[in-house]
């Protein structure tokens, strides 16, 4: 057994077979679409943020590394903080117009959606 990581085997209770190999499900890496094929939506969100506004970018199809790279680009160009997780980017504050401008210059298809 090359990978003897006990955390990867938490779902297996016990096996008495001497030749049993623990198999773990590995996540498939999602191929990142080119910017021209991405269909991004830019939202303004005020819910569950203590009265503060946040700009959400949804619809990104690709790997988490590419999502974080795009989030870093948007955060530095807007000069604010934010995060990227679960296929969406959260930018602090109302920067919808600036983000749409940045995304279209980078070659992404982006639309303003929501309130």
Protein backbone atom coordinates (compact mmCIF):
# COMPACT_ATOMS: atom_id res chain seq x y z
CA UNK A 1 0.00 0.00 0.00
CA UNK A 2 1.86 3.06 -1.28
CA UNK A 3 -0.48 5.65 0.19
CA UNK A 4 -0.98 4.78 3.86
CA UNK A 5 -2.76 7.99 4.81
CA UNK A 6 -5.39 7.15 7.42
CA UNK A 7 -7.45 10.25 6.61
CA UNK A 8 -8.03 8.97 3.08
CA UNK A 9 -9.43 5.71 4.48
CA UNK A 10 -11.98 7.14 6.92
CA UNK A 11 -14.94 5.67 5.01
CA UNK A 12 -13.60 2.07 5.25
CA UNK A 13 -14.48 0.31 8.49
CA UNK A 14 -12.36 -2.83 8.35
CA UNK A 15 -11.12 -5.42 5.89
CA UNK A 16 -9.76 -8.86 6.72
CA UNK A 17 -8.44 -9.50 3.23
CA UNK A 18 -4.63 -9.42 3.18
CA UNK A 19 -4.46 -8.26 -0.43
CA UNK A 20 -7.12 -5.53 -0.11
CA UNK A 21 -6.07 -2.12 -1.43
CA UNK A 22 -7.82 0.96 -0.18
CA UNK A 23 -9.08 2.99 -3.10
CA UNK A 24 -9.90 6.61 -2.70
CA UNK A 25 -11.94 8.73 -5.03
CA UNK A 26 -9.85 11.45 -6.53
CA UNK A 27 -11.48 14.59 -7.83
CA UNK A 28 -11.46 15.03 -11.55
CA UNK A 29 -9.67 18.15 -12.62
CA UNK A 30 -11.98 20.38 -14.59
CA UNK A 31 -10.48 21.78 -17.75
CA UNK A 32 -10.55 25.54 -17.74
CA UNK A 33 -12.44 27.03 -20.65
CA UNK A 34 -10.75 29.81 -22.60
CA UNK A 35 -11.88 33.33 -21.64
CA UNK A 36 -13.97 33.77 -24.80
CA UNK A 37 -16.08 30.71 -23.86
CA UNK A 38 -16.60 31.70 -20.23
CA UNK A 39 -20.05 33.11 -19.47
CA UNK A 40 -19.61 35.13 -16.28
CA UNK A 41 -22.34 36.95 -14.34
CA UNK A 42 -21.56 39.89 -12.07
CA UNK A 43 -23.93 40.37 -9.11
CA UNK A 44 -24.21 42.74 -6.18
CA UNK A 45 -24.87 40.91 -2.92
CA UNK A 46 -25.95 42.45 0.38
CA UNK A 47 -27.15 39.36 2.21
CA UNK A 48 -25.42 37.83 5.24
CA UNK A 49 -22.60 40.37 5.18
CA UNK A 50 -23.46 42.62 8.10
CA UNK A 51 -24.96 45.33 5.88
CA UNK A 52 -21.88 45.53 3.67
CA UNK A 53 -21.96 45.08 -0.09
CA UNK A 54 -19.99 42.53 -2.06
CA UNK A 55 -19.64 41.93 -5.78
CA UNK A 56 -20.09 38.29 -6.83
CA UNK A 57 -18.75 36.81 -10.06
CA UNK A 58 -20.48 33.52 -10.88
CA UNK A 59 -20.29 31.07 -13.76
CA UNK A 60 -16.55 30.39 -13.93
CA UNK A 61 -15.79 26.95 -15.38
CA UNK A 62 -12.31 25.70 -14.60
CA UNK A 63 -9.81 24.67 -11.98
CA UNK A 64 -9.57 26.28 -8.54
CA UNK A 65 -6.09 27.56 -9.33
CA UNK A 66 -7.34 29.46 -12.37
CA UNK A 67 -10.29 30.79 -10.36
CA UNK A 68 -7.94 32.07 -7.66
CA UNK A 69 -5.67 33.62 -10.29
CA UNK A 70 -8.61 35.52 -11.80
CA UNK A 71 -9.73 36.60 -8.32
CA UNK A 72 -6.24 37.89 -7.57
CA UNK A 73 -6.25 39.91 -10.79
CA UNK A 74 -9.63 41.47 -9.96
CA UNK A 75 -8.68 42.21 -6.35
CA UNK A 76 -5.43 43.94 -7.30
CA UNK A 77 -7.01 45.98 -10.10
CA UNK A 78 -9.88 47.10 -7.83
CA UNK A 79 -7.61 47.60 -4.81
CA UNK A 80 -9.85 45.67 -2.43
CA UNK A 81 -10.02 42.31 -0.68
CA UNK A 82 -12.05 39.26 -1.52
CA UNK A 83 -12.01 35.51 -1.90
CA UNK A 84 -12.54 32.74 -4.42
CA UNK A 85 -14.22 29.45 -3.62
CA UNK A 86 -16.91 27.09 -4.91
CA UNK A 87 -16.75 28.45 -8.43
CA UNK A 88 -17.46 32.06 -7.50
CA UNK A 89 -15.39 35.13 -6.72
CA UNK A 90 -16.37 37.56 -3.96
CA UNK A 91 -14.98 41.11 -4.14
CA UNK A 92 -15.58 43.49 -1.25
CA UNK A 93 -17.69 46.52 -2.15
CA UNK A 94 -19.72 47.53 -5.19
CA UNK A 95 -17.27 47.29 -8.10
CA UNK A 96 -19.58 45.88 -10.78
CA UNK A 97 -18.74 48.42 -13.48
CA UNK A 98 -14.99 48.22 -12.91
CA UNK A 99 -15.05 44.40 -12.86
CA UNK A 100 -17.09 44.24 -16.08
CA UNK A 101 -14.55 46.53 -17.72
CA UNK A 102 -11.61 44.41 -16.52
CA UNK A 103 -13.23 41.13 -17.58
CA UNK A 104 -14.08 42.35 -21.08
CA UNK A 105 -10.54 43.67 -21.56
CA UNK A 106 -9.21 40.25 -20.56
CA UNK A 107 -11.46 38.60 -23.19
CA UNK A 108 -14.18 37.16 -20.93
CA UNK A 109 -17.88 37.27 -21.78
CA UNK A 110 -19.43 38.98 -18.78
CA UNK A 111 -22.87 40.39 -18.07
CA UNK A 112 -24.29 42.44 -15.25
CA UNK A 113 -27.01 40.48 -13.49
CA UNK A 114 -29.18 40.85 -10.42
CA UNK A 115 -29.86 43.98 -8.40
